[in-house]
């Protein structure tokens, strides 16, 4: 029987450990590794902010925000047959770690439209409306980066039910993503009056694709995912998927008299339909208590796999 666990250290002192779930792909991967047919011997560790329970059917983290290579591999025969993979999260990485996963370090296929982290909403000056820029805050607790951006309606606005913030992204090509891929938004719904969030991909003014995120019940931290088919099937004008230059985030509130605020954490595209027999999520663990990774603080990670013969 194979079982594994992730162990976190700070200043050589253990601060947390979490049992893993080995996925269906992971079982195939370890079988190939033992038989000598696995093409990848390097590994990557990925960290994320997702909290959905791990299952053997998982193919990715719920919301990954950082990935790094395993830098040291060793074995321990002292009390059991154990393989150990180690790496260190650098000091400049900031975020809340609530899930972690192990991936092969190399892939067989070449894919220019892999999973992509679009933005972490870190700079208030990047996001603007027709009247002002967004504002950054450290409350509620940012899950990615050192702050969240506050998107809200102006108190004096008692007319509009929508308000849009835009970001000049430069150049983003989404033409290679399919209807089976997904788009994920991490945010904090501060008010139940916020009924939806629309993400727009502009190729030019008046020409865009859009997908609508509907929060589940209640307020607080959310991760909402929609299909890219929802994005590609909703257009205004004649957008060009290979030439996206602006991202728009449009809030909708229940009425023009209500207040509605969202604190934005991250936006990413997930490549969910590319089949690569050598690339997949091997192991995933959702932490019972999250770890806050702050600036200037390095955290070491060990992934130990015990082989019970």
C-alpha atoms as a PDB file:
ATOM      1  CA  UNK A   1       0.000   0.000   0.000  1.00  0.00           C
ATOM      2  CA  UNK A   2       1.245   3.512  -0.836  1.00  0.00           C
ATOM      3  CA  UNK A   3       0.421   6.509   1.326  1.00  0.00           C
ATOM      4  CA  UNK A   4       1.909   9.972   1.547  1.00  0.00           C
ATOM      5  CA  UNK A   5       1.934  13.162   3.536  1.00  0.00           C
ATOM      6  CA  UNK A   6       3.118  16.738   3.141  1.00  0.00           C
ATOM      7  CA  UNK A   7       5.218  18.252   5.925  1.00  0.00           C
ATOM      8  CA  UNK A   8       5.918  21.996   6.247  1.00  0.00           C
ATOM      9  CA  UNK A   9       8.938  23.436   8.051  1.00  0.00           C
ATOM     10  CA  UNK A  10      10.039  26.912   9.073  1.00  0.00           C
ATOM     11  CA  UNK A  11      13.579  27.447  10.383  1.00  0.00           C
ATOM     12  CA  UNK A  12      13.994  23.640  10.409  1.00  0.00           C
ATOM     13  CA  UNK A  13      11.001  23.271  12.739  1.00  0.00           C
ATOM     14  CA  UNK A  14       7.902  21.374  11.687  1.00  0.00           C
ATOM     15  CA  UNK A  15       4.845  23.643  11.590  1.00  0.00           C
ATOM     16  CA  UNK A  16       2.244  21.433   9.902  1.00  0.00           C
ATOM     17  CA  UNK A  17       1.660  18.071   8.253  1.00  0.00           C
ATOM     18  CA  UNK A  18      -1.210  16.836   6.120  1.00  0.00           C
ATOM     19  CA  UNK A  19      -2.149  13.420   4.743  1.00  0.00           C
ATOM     20  CA  UNK A  20      -2.626  13.198   0.998  1.00  0.00           C
ATOM     21  CA  UNK A  21      -4.969  11.567  -1.480  1.00  0.00           C
ATOM     22  CA  UNK A  22      -3.188   9.801  -4.335  1.00  0.00           C
ATOM     23  CA  UNK A  23      -5.159  10.347  -7.513  1.00  0.00           C
ATOM     24  CA  UNK A  24      -6.053   7.868 -10.219  1.00  0.00           C
ATOM     25  CA  UNK A  25      -3.323   9.389 -12.385  1.00  0.00           C
ATOM     26  CA  UNK A  26      -0.935   9.154  -9.414  1.00  0.00           C
ATOM     27  CA  UNK A  27      -1.530   5.412  -9.060  1.00  0.00           C
ATOM     28  CA  UNK A  28      -0.765   4.937 -12.758  1.00  0.00           C
ATOM     29  CA  UNK A  29       2.285   7.179 -12.450  1.00  0.00           C
ATOM     30  CA  UNK A  30       3.785   5.237  -9.533  1.00  0.00           C
ATOM     31  CA  UNK A  31       3.113   1.947 -11.321  1.00  0.00           C
ATOM     32  CA  UNK A  32       4.953   3.270 -14.377  1.00  0.00           C
ATOM     33  CA  UNK A  33       7.767   4.568 -12.168  1.00  0.00           C
ATOM     34  CA  UNK A  34       8.275   1.175 -10.517  1.00  0.00           C
ATOM     35  CA  UNK A  35       8.167  -0.623 -13.858  1.00  0.00           C
ATOM     36  CA  UNK A  36      10.717   1.783 -15.339  1.00  0.00           C
ATOM     37  CA  UNK A  37       8.393   3.034 -18.081  1.00  0.00           C
ATOM     38  CA  UNK A  38       7.737   6.523 -16.677  1.00  0.00           C
ATOM     39  CA  UNK A  39       9.297   9.162 -18.934  1.00  0.00           C
ATOM     40  CA  UNK A  40       9.468  11.865 -16.233  1.00  0.00           C
ATOM     41  CA  UNK A  41      11.568  11.532 -13.118  1.00  0.00           C
ATOM     42  CA  UNK A  42      11.457  15.210 -12.078  1.00  0.00           C
ATOM     43  CA  UNK A  43       8.628  16.558  -9.927  1.00  0.00           C
ATOM     44  CA  UNK A  44       6.879  19.865  -9.223  1.00  0.00           C
ATOM     45  CA  UNK A  45       5.005  20.958  -6.117  1.00  0.00           C
ATOM     46  CA  UNK A  46       2.060  23.326  -6.529  1.00  0.00           C
ATOM     47  CA  UNK A  47       0.276  25.314  -3.825  1.00  0.00           C
ATOM     48  CA  UNK A  48      -3.200  26.803  -3.941  1.00  0.00           C
ATOM     49  CA  UNK A  49      -6.084  28.363  -2.033  1.00  0.00           C
ATOM     50  CA  UNK A  50      -8.774  25.734  -2.692  1.00  0.00           C
ATOM     51  CA  UNK A  51     -10.668  24.073   0.151  1.00  0.00           C
ATOM     52  CA  UNK A  52     -12.759  21.455  -1.652  1.00  0.00           C
ATOM     53  CA  UNK A  53     -11.970  17.977  -0.310  1.00  0.00           C
ATOM     54  CA  UNK A  54      -9.423  15.932  -2.251  1.00  0.00           C
ATOM     55  CA  UNK A  55     -10.585  12.905  -4.257  1.00  0.00           C
ATOM     56  CA  UNK A  56      -8.887  10.301  -6.432  1.00  0.00           C
ATOM     57  CA  UNK A  57     -10.616  11.883  -9.450  1.00  0.00           C
ATOM     58  CA  UNK A  58      -8.831  15.239  -9.012  1.00  0.00           C
ATOM     59  CA  UNK A  59      -6.817  16.350 -12.048  1.00  0.00           C
ATOM     60  CA  UNK A  60      -5.592  19.735 -10.738  1.00  0.00           C
ATOM     61  CA  UNK A  61      -5.686  21.944  -7.668  1.00  0.00           C
ATOM     62  CA  UNK A  62      -8.900  23.874  -7.119  1.00  0.00           C
ATOM     63  CA  UNK A  63      -7.055  27.202  -7.469  1.00  0.00           C
ATOM     64  CA  UNK A  64      -3.292  26.999  -7.912  1.00  0.00           C
ATOM     65  CA  UNK A  65      -1.272  30.185  -7.448  1.00  0.00           C
ATOM     66  CA  UNK A  66       2.366  29.037  -7.364  1.00  0.00           C
ATOM     67  CA  UNK A  67       4.398  26.061  -8.619  1.00  0.00           C
ATOM     68  CA  UNK A  68       8.043  25.185  -8.037  1.00  0.00           C
ATOM     69  CA  UNK A  69      10.341  22.251  -8.837  1.00  0.00           C
ATOM     70  CA  UNK A  70      11.385  19.604  -6.345  1.00  0.00           C
ATOM     71  CA  UNK A  71      15.046  20.342  -5.609  1.00  0.00           C
ATOM     72  CA  UNK A  72      16.032  17.261  -3.600  1.00  0.00           C
ATOM     73  CA  UNK A  73      14.942  13.618  -3.738  1.00  0.00           C
ATOM     74  CA  UNK A  74      16.062  11.020  -1.201  1.00  0.00           C
ATOM     75  CA  UNK A  75      15.046   7.742   0.451  1.00  0.00           C
ATOM     76  CA  UNK A  76      14.689   6.655   4.068  1.00  0.00           C
ATOM     77  CA  UNK A  77      14.952   2.972   5.027  1.00  0.00           C
ATOM     78  CA  UNK A  78      15.317   3.517   8.789  1.00  0.00           C
ATOM     79  CA  UNK A  79      11.760   2.625   9.801  1.00  0.00           C
ATOM     80  CA  UNK A  80       9.956   2.051   6.497  1.00  0.00           C
ATOM     81  CA  UNK A  81      10.490   2.268   2.765  1.00  0.00           C
ATOM     82  CA  UNK A  82      10.050   6.000   2.159  1.00  0.00           C
ATOM     83  CA  UNK A  83      10.702   8.275  -0.818  1.00  0.00           C
ATOM     84  CA  UNK A  84      11.131  11.951   0.069  1.00  0.00           C
ATOM     85  CA  UNK A  85      10.748  14.983  -2.198  1.00  0.00           C
ATOM     86  CA  UNK A  86      11.864  18.380  -0.896  1.00  0.00           C
ATOM     87  CA  UNK A  87      11.635  22.006  -2.013  1.00  0.00           C
ATOM     88  CA  UNK A  88      11.503  25.507  -0.565  1.00  0.00           C
ATOM     89  CA  UNK A  89       8.899  28.214  -1.142  1.00  0.00           C
ATOM     90  CA  UNK A  90      10.939  31.415  -1.689  1.00  0.00           C
ATOM     91  CA  UNK A  91      10.773  34.383   0.649  1.00  0.00           C
ATOM     92  CA  UNK A  92       9.048  36.622  -1.902  1.00  0.00           C
ATOM     93  CA  UNK A  93       5.998  34.363  -2.382  1.00  0.00           C
ATOM     94  CA  UNK A  94       2.942  35.650  -0.513  1.00  0.00           C
ATOM     95  CA  UNK A  95      -0.346  33.816  -0.062  1.00  0.00           C
ATOM     96  CA  UNK A  96      -2.535  31.512   1.986  1.00  0.00           C
ATOM     97  CA  UNK A  97      -1.750  27.830   1.442  1.00  0.00           C
ATOM     98  CA  UNK A  98      -4.797  25.635   1.892  1.00  0.00           C
ATOM     99  CA  UNK A  99      -4.058  22.938  -0.713  1.00  0.00           C
ATOM    100  CA  UNK A 100      -0.936  21.351  -2.177  1.00  0.00           C
ATOM    101  CA  UNK A 101      -0.233  18.881  -4.962  1.00  0.00           C
ATOM    102  CA  UNK A 102       2.562  16.915  -6.633  1.00  0.00           C
ATOM    103  CA  UNK A 103       2.957  16.885 -10.429  1.00  0.00           C
ATOM    104  CA  UNK A 104       5.476  15.403 -12.880  1.00  0.00           C
ATOM    105  CA  UNK A 105       8.098  17.991 -13.769  1.00  0.00           C
ATOM    106  CA  UNK A 106       8.060  17.398 -17.535  1.00  0.00           C
ATOM    107  CA  UNK A 107       5.378  16.797 -20.115  1.00  0.00           C
ATOM    108  CA  UNK A 108       5.258  14.902 -23.385  1.00  0.00           C
ATOM    109  CA  UNK A 109       3.130  17.314 -25.410  1.00  0.00           C
ATOM    110  CA  UNK A 110       3.938  20.924 -26.281  1.00  0.00           C
ATOM    111  CA  UNK A 111       1.021  23.185 -25.391  1.00  0.00           C
ATOM    112  CA  UNK A 112       1.039  26.962 -25.752  1.00  0.00           C
ATOM    113  CA  UNK A 113      -2.375  27.130 -24.100  1.00  0.00           C
ATOM    114  CA  UNK A 114      -1.596  25.536 -20.764  1.00  0.00           C
ATOM    115  CA  UNK A 115      -3.265  26.574 -17.506  1.00  0.00           C
ATOM    116  CA  UNK A 116      -2.513  30.249 -17.021  1.00  0.00           C
ATOM    117  CA  UNK A 117      -2.622  32.596 -14.031  1.00  0.00           C
ATOM    118  CA  UNK A 118      -4.033  35.809 -15.534  1.00  0.00           C
ATOM    119  CA  UNK A 119      -3.837  38.220 -12.591  1.00  0.00           C
ATOM    120  CA  UNK A 120      -3.576  38.300  -8.821  1.00  0.00           C
ATOM    121  CA  UNK A 121      -5.178  41.764  -8.522  1.00  0.00           C
ATOM    122  CA  UNK A 122      -2.111  43.131  -6.730  1.00  0.00           C
ATOM    123  CA  UNK A 123      -1.802  46.716  -8.020  1.00  0.00           C
ATOM    124  CA  UNK A 124      -4.676  49.130  -7.394  1.00  0.00           C
ATOM    125  CA  UNK A 125      -3.400  51.495 -10.078  1.00  0.00           C
ATOM    126  CA  UNK A 126      -3.820  48.783 -12.755  1.00  0.00           C
ATOM    127  CA  UNK A 127      -7.607  48.566 -12.364  1.00  0.00           C
ATOM    128  CA  UNK A 128      -9.737  51.579 -13.203  1.00  0.00           C
ATOM    129  CA  UNK A 129     -13.309  52.708 -13.833  1.00  0.00           C
ATOM    130  CA  UNK A 130     -14.539  55.691 -15.808  1.00  0.00           C
ATOM    131  CA  UNK A 131     -14.017  57.861 -12.709  1.00  0.00           C
ATOM    132  CA  UNK A 132     -11.246  56.387 -10.533  1.00  0.00           C
ATOM    133  CA  UNK A 133      -8.884  53.503  -9.724  1.00  0.00           C
ATOM    134  CA  UNK A 134      -9.547  50.590  -7.414  1.00  0.00           C
ATOM    135  CA  UNK A 135      -8.311  50.581  -3.812  1.00  0.00           C
ATOM    136  CA  UNK A 136      -6.101  47.962  -2.154  1.00  0.00           C
ATOM    137  CA  UNK A 137      -6.754  46.493   1.294  1.00  0.00           C
ATOM    138  CA  UNK A 138      -5.249  43.914   3.624  1.00  0.00           C
ATOM    139  CA  UNK A 139      -8.673  43.123   5.140  1.00  0.00           C
ATOM    140  CA  UNK A 140     -10.272  40.712   4.399  1.00  0.00           C
ATOM    141  CA  UNK A 141      -7.129  38.572   4.482  1.00  0.00           C
ATOM    142  CA  UNK A 142      -5.604  38.341   0.988  1.00  0.00           C
ATOM    143  CA  UNK A 143      -5.288  34.758  -0.219  1.00  0.00           C
ATOM    144  CA  UNK A 144      -2.894  35.593  -3.072  1.00  0.00           C
ATOM    145  CA  UNK A 145      -0.309  38.370  -2.794  1.00  0.00           C
ATOM    146  CA  UNK A 146      -0.047  41.026  -0.112  1.00  0.00           C
ATOM    147  CA  UNK A 147      -3.403  42.730  -0.708  1.00  0.00           C
ATOM    148  CA  UNK A 148      -6.849  42.427  -2.248  1.00  0.00           C
ATOM    149  CA  UNK A 149      -8.477  45.004  -4.523  1.00  0.00           C
ATOM    150  CA  UNK A 150     -11.814  46.475  -3.561  1.00  0.00           C
ATOM    151  CA  UNK A 151     -14.349  46.711  -6.380  1.00  0.00           C
ATOM    152  CA  UNK A 152     -17.542  48.506  -5.364  1.00  0.00           C
ATOM    153  CA  UNK A 153     -20.276  50.964  -6.340  1.00  0.00           C
ATOM    154  CA  UNK A 154     -19.868  54.617  -5.459  1.00  0.00           C
ATOM    155  CA  UNK A 155     -22.076  55.642  -2.483  1.00  0.00           C
ATOM    156  CA  UNK A 156     -23.535  58.481  -4.537  1.00  0.00           C
ATOM    157  CA  UNK A 157     -24.548  56.130  -7.373  1.00  0.00           C
ATOM    158  CA  UNK A 158     -28.233  55.340  -6.934  1.00  0.00           C
ATOM    159  CA  UNK A 159     -28.904  54.828 -10.628  1.00  0.00           C
ATOM    160  CA  UNK A 160     -26.752  52.021 -11.995  1.00  0.00           C
ATOM    161  CA  UNK A 161     -26.982  48.313 -11.209  1.00  0.00           C
ATOM    162  CA  UNK A 162     -23.635  47.525 -12.890  1.00  0.00           C
ATOM    163  CA  UNK A 163     -20.119  48.914 -12.442  1.00  0.00           C
ATOM    164  CA  UNK A 164     -17.025  47.854 -14.398  1.00  0.00           C
ATOM    165  CA  UNK A 165     -13.314  47.897 -13.618  1.00  0.00           C
ATOM    166  CA  UNK A 166     -10.798  47.419 -16.439  1.00  0.00           C
ATOM    167  CA  UNK A 167      -7.169  46.348 -16.715  1.00  0.00           C
ATOM    168  CA  UNK A 168      -4.900  46.891 -19.730  1.00  0.00           C
ATOM    169  CA  UNK A 169      -3.306  43.442 -19.881  1.00  0.00           C
ATOM    170  CA  UNK A 170      -1.234  44.135 -22.998  1.00  0.00           C
ATOM    171  CA  UNK A 171      -1.555  40.970 -25.069  1.00  0.00           C
ATOM    172  CA  UNK A 172      -3.435  37.798 -24.154  1.00  0.00           C
ATOM    173  CA  UNK A 173      -4.225  35.002 -26.610  1.00  0.00           C
ATOM    174  CA  UNK A 174      -7.155  32.787 -25.608  1.00  0.00           C
ATOM    175  CA  UNK A 175      -7.804  31.384 -29.083  1.00  0.00           C
ATOM    176  CA  UNK A 176      -6.290  27.978 -28.250  1.00  0.00           C
ATOM    177  CA  UNK A 177      -8.556  27.259 -25.297  1.00  0.00           C
ATOM    178  CA  UNK A 178     -11.581  25.080 -25.907  1.00  0.00           C
ATOM    179  CA  UNK A 179     -15.135  24.943 -24.633  1.00  0.00           C
ATOM    180  CA  UNK A 180     -14.029  22.190 -22.237  1.00  0.00           C
ATOM    181  CA  UNK A 181     -11.501  24.421 -20.475  1.00  0.00           C
ATOM    182  CA  UNK A 182     -12.550  26.533 -17.495  1.00  0.00           C
ATOM    183  CA  UNK A 183     -12.143  30.001 -16.021  1.00  0.00           C
ATOM    184  CA  UNK A 184     -11.817  30.429 -12.245  1.00  0.00           C
ATOM    185  CA  UNK A 185     -12.248  33.570 -10.149  1.00  0.00           C
ATOM    186  CA  UNK A 186     -11.170  33.871  -6.502  1.00  0.00           C
ATOM    187  CA  UNK A 187     -12.808  36.711  -4.596  1.00  0.00           C
ATOM    188  CA  UNK A 188     -14.528  37.738  -1.389  1.00  0.00           C
ATOM    189  CA  UNK A 189     -18.236  38.490  -1.647  1.00  0.00           C
ATOM    190  CA  UNK A 190     -18.612  41.194   0.995  1.00  0.00           C
ATOM    191  CA  UNK A 191     -22.323  41.792   0.436  1.00  0.00           C
ATOM    192  CA  UNK A 192     -25.219  39.525  -0.525  1.00  0.00           C
ATOM    193  CA  UNK A 193     -26.443  42.399  -2.721  1.00  0.00           C
ATOM    194  CA  UNK A 194     -23.684  41.418  -5.167  1.00  0.00           C
ATOM    195  CA  UNK A 195     -25.604  39.103  -7.489  1.00  0.00           C
ATOM    196  CA  UNK A 196     -23.017  38.355 -10.188  1.00  0.00           C
ATOM    197  CA  UNK A 197     -19.562  39.161 -11.555  1.00  0.00           C
ATOM    198  CA  UNK A 198     -18.987  39.318 -15.287  1.00  0.00           C
ATOM    199  CA  UNK A 199     -15.446  38.838 -16.671  1.00  0.00           C
ATOM    200  CA  UNK A 200     -14.903  40.415 -20.090  1.00  0.00           C
ATOM    201  CA  UNK A 201     -12.086  39.804 -22.590  1.00  0.00           C
ATOM    202  CA  UNK A 202     -11.755  42.839 -24.885  1.00  0.00           C
ATOM    203  CA  UNK A 203      -9.857  42.775 -28.161  1.00  0.00           C
ATOM    204  CA  UNK A 204     -10.860  46.417 -28.692  1.00  0.00           C
ATOM    205  CA  UNK A 205     -13.372  48.879 -27.323  1.00  0.00           C
ATOM    206  CA  UNK A 206     -16.882  47.522 -27.822  1.00  0.00           C
ATOM    207  CA  UNK A 207     -15.693  44.058 -28.866  1.00  0.00           C
ATOM    208  CA  UNK A 208     -15.447  41.426 -26.156  1.00  0.00           C
ATOM    209  CA  UNK A 209     -16.225  37.921 -24.909  1.00  0.00           C
ATOM    210  CA  UNK A 210     -17.782  37.559 -21.489  1.00  0.00           C
ATOM    211  CA  UNK A 211     -18.604  34.963 -18.860  1.00  0.00           C
ATOM    212  CA  UNK A 212     -20.821  35.430 -15.814  1.00  0.00           C
ATOM    213  CA  UNK A 213     -19.903  34.154 -12.337  1.00  0.00           C
ATOM    214  CA  UNK A 214     -22.828  33.694  -9.945  1.00  0.00           C
ATOM    215  CA  UNK A 215     -21.735  33.442  -6.287  1.00  0.00           C
ATOM    216  CA  UNK A 216     -23.137  30.650  -4.179  1.00  0.00           C
ATOM    217  CA  UNK A 217     -25.149  31.597  -1.104  1.00  0.00           C
ATOM    218  CA  UNK A 218     -23.645  33.654   1.677  1.00  0.00           C
ATOM    219  CA  UNK A 219     -20.754  36.062   1.889  1.00  0.00           C
ATOM    220  CA  UNK A 220     -17.016  35.574   2.383  1.00  0.00           C
ATOM    221  CA  UNK A 221     -14.276  33.922   0.337  1.00  0.00           C
ATOM    222  CA  UNK A 222     -15.389  32.276  -2.896  1.00  0.00           C
ATOM    223  CA  UNK A 223     -13.841  30.343  -5.779  1.00  0.00           C
ATOM    224  CA  UNK A 224     -16.260  30.213  -8.693  1.00  0.00           C
ATOM    225  CA  UNK A 225     -15.539  28.343 -11.923  1.00  0.00           C
ATOM    226  CA  UNK A 226     -17.317  28.522 -15.273  1.00  0.00           C
ATOM    227  CA  UNK A 227     -16.781  26.777 -18.595  1.00  0.00           C
ATOM    228  CA  UNK A 228     -14.925  28.601 -21.343  1.00  0.00           C
ATOM    229  CA  UNK A 229     -17.874  27.628 -23.532  1.00  0.00           C
ATOM    230  CA  UNK A 230     -19.840  30.223 -21.569  1.00  0.00           C
ATOM    231  CA  UNK A 231     -17.175  32.799 -22.464  1.00  0.00           C
ATOM    232  CA  UNK A 232     -16.857  31.981 -26.165  1.00  0.00           C
ATOM    233  CA  UNK A 233     -20.625  31.749 -26.693  1.00  0.00           C
ATOM    234  CA  UNK A 234     -21.241  35.219 -25.226  1.00  0.00           C
ATOM    235  CA  UNK A 235     -19.932  38.065 -27.354  1.00  0.00           C
ATOM    236  CA  UNK A 236     -20.499  41.755 -27.851  1.00  0.00           C
ATOM    237  CA  UNK A 237     -19.408  43.075 -31.227  1.00  0.00           C
ATOM    238  CA  UNK A 238     -16.807  40.999 -33.037  1.00  0.00           C
ATOM    239  CA  UNK A 239     -13.969  40.183 -30.614  1.00  0.00           C
ATOM    240  CA  UNK A 240     -10.732  38.476 -31.733  1.00  0.00           C
ATOM    241  CA  UNK A 241      -9.687  35.710 -29.339  1.00  0.00           C
ATOM    242  CA  UNK A 242      -5.996  35.923 -30.262  1.00  0.00           C
ATOM    243  CA  UNK A 243      -5.755  39.650 -29.526  1.00  0.00           C
ATOM    244  CA  UNK A 244      -7.173  40.300 -26.054  1.00  0.00           C
ATOM    245  CA  UNK A 245      -5.831  43.584 -24.679  1.00  0.00           C
ATOM    246  CA  UNK A 246      -8.176  44.509 -21.824  1.00  0.00           C
ATOM    247  CA  UNK A 247      -9.779  42.509 -19.010  1.00  0.00           C
ATOM    248  CA  UNK A 248     -13.032  43.865 -17.606  1.00  0.00           C
ATOM    249  CA  UNK A 249     -14.651  42.942 -14.282  1.00  0.00           C
ATOM    250  CA  UNK A 250     -18.279  44.035 -14.078  1.00  0.00           C
ATOM    251  CA  UNK A 251     -20.234  43.868 -10.801  1.00  0.00           C
ATOM    252  CA  UNK A 252     -24.025  43.537 -10.758  1.00  0.00           C
ATOM    253  CA  UNK A 253     -26.062  44.410  -7.673  1.00  0.00           C
ATOM    254  CA  UNK A 254     -29.616  43.530  -6.756  1.00  0.00           C
ATOM    255  CA  UNK A 255     -30.872  47.109  -6.973  1.00  0.00           C
ATOM    256  CA  UNK A 256     -29.530  50.599  -7.599  1.00  0.00           C
ATOM    257  CA  UNK A 257     -30.195  51.498  -3.968  1.00  0.00           C
ATOM    258  CA  UNK A 258     -28.137  48.629  -2.517  1.00  0.00           C
ATOM    259  CA  UNK A 259     -24.436  48.518  -1.698  1.00  0.00           C
ATOM    260  CA  UNK A 260     -22.344  45.752  -3.243  1.00  0.00           C
ATOM    261  CA  UNK A 261     -18.613  45.133  -2.787  1.00  0.00           C
ATOM    262  CA  UNK A 262     -16.191  42.430  -3.882  1.00  0.00           C
ATOM    263  CA  UNK A 263     -12.541  41.974  -2.864  1.00  0.00           C
ATOM    264  CA  UNK A 264     -10.629  40.380  -5.734  1.00  0.00           C
ATOM    265  CA  UNK A 265      -7.917  37.718  -5.222  1.00  0.00           C
ATOM    266  CA  UNK A 266      -7.105  36.002  -8.514  1.00  0.00           C
ATOM    267  CA  UNK A 267      -8.221  35.024 -12.022  1.00  0.00           C
ATOM    268  CA  UNK A 268      -6.922  32.017 -13.980  1.00  0.00           C
ATOM    269  CA  UNK A 269      -7.689  29.851 -17.026  1.00  0.00           C
ATOM    270  CA  UNK A 270      -7.545  26.084 -16.480  1.00  0.00           C
ATOM    271  CA  UNK A 271      -6.515  23.827 -19.348  1.00  0.00           C
ATOM    272  CA  UNK A 272      -8.807  20.910 -18.511  1.00  0.00           C
ATOM    273  CA  UNK A 273      -9.029  19.112 -21.851  1.00  0.00           C
ATOM    274  CA  UNK A 274      -5.407  18.510 -22.914  1.00  0.00           C
ATOM    275  CA  UNK A 275      -4.528  14.843 -22.599  1.00  0.00           C
ATOM    276  CA  UNK A 276      -0.919  14.117 -21.812  1.00  0.00           C
ATOM    277  CA  UNK A 277      -0.236  10.580 -20.561  1.00  0.00           C
ATOM    278  CA  UNK A 278       2.806  11.809 -18.646  1.00  0.00           C
ATOM    279  CA  UNK A 279       1.339  14.904 -16.987  1.00  0.00           C
ATOM    280  CA  UNK A 280      -1.294  15.024 -14.277  1.00  0.00           C
ATOM    281  CA  UNK A 281      -1.929  15.546 -10.599  1.00  0.00           C
ATOM    282  CA  UNK A 282      -0.217  12.729  -8.693  1.00  0.00           C
ATOM    283  CA  UNK A 283      -1.226  13.630  -5.169  1.00  0.00           C
ATOM    284  CA  UNK A 284      -3.362  16.333  -3.526  1.00  0.00           C
ATOM    285  CA  UNK A 285      -3.903  17.374   0.055  1.00  0.00           C
ATOM    286  CA  UNK A 286      -6.292  19.949   1.514  1.00  0.00           C
ATOM    287  CA  UNK A 287      -4.952  21.340   4.772  1.00  0.00           C
ATOM    288  CA  UNK A 288      -7.184  21.283   7.830  1.00  0.00           C
ATOM    289  CA  UNK A 289      -5.712  24.652   8.826  1.00  0.00           C
ATOM    290  CA  UNK A 290      -4.291  26.973   6.199  1.00  0.00           C
ATOM    291  CA  UNK A 291      -0.731  28.313   6.336  1.00  0.00           C
ATOM    292  CA  UNK A 292      -0.160  32.016   5.747  1.00  0.00           C
ATOM    293  CA  UNK A 293       2.994  32.508   3.690  1.00  0.00           C
ATOM    294  CA  UNK A 294       4.202  36.047   4.360  1.00  0.00           C
ATOM    295  CA  UNK A 295       6.909  38.143   2.691  1.00  0.00           C
ATOM    296  CA  UNK A 296      10.449  37.384   3.862  1.00  0.00           C
ATOM    297  CA  UNK A 297       9.505  33.979   5.220  1.00  0.00           C
ATOM    298  CA  UNK A 298      10.849  30.849   3.517  1.00  0.00           C
ATOM    299  CA  UNK A 299       8.964  27.602   4.062  1.00  0.00           C
ATOM    300  CA  UNK A 300      10.434  24.156   3.368  1.00  0.00           C
ATOM    301  CA  UNK A 301       8.171  21.333   2.183  1.00  0.00           C
ATOM    302  CA  UNK A 302       8.693  17.580   2.286  1.00  0.00           C
ATOM    303  CA  UNK A 303       6.458  15.108   0.539  1.00  0.00           C
ATOM    304  CA  UNK A 304       6.975  11.618   1.955  1.00  0.00           C
ATOM    305  CA  UNK A 305       5.644   8.511   0.248  1.00  0.00           C
ATOM    306  CA  UNK A 306       5.654   5.384   2.392  1.00  0.00           C
ATOM    307  CA  UNK A 307       5.701   1.998   0.686  1.00  0.00           C
ATOM    308  CA  UNK A 308       4.123  -0.688   2.871  1.00  0.00           C
ATOM    309  CA  UNK A 309       5.250  -4.014   1.412  1.00  0.00           C
END
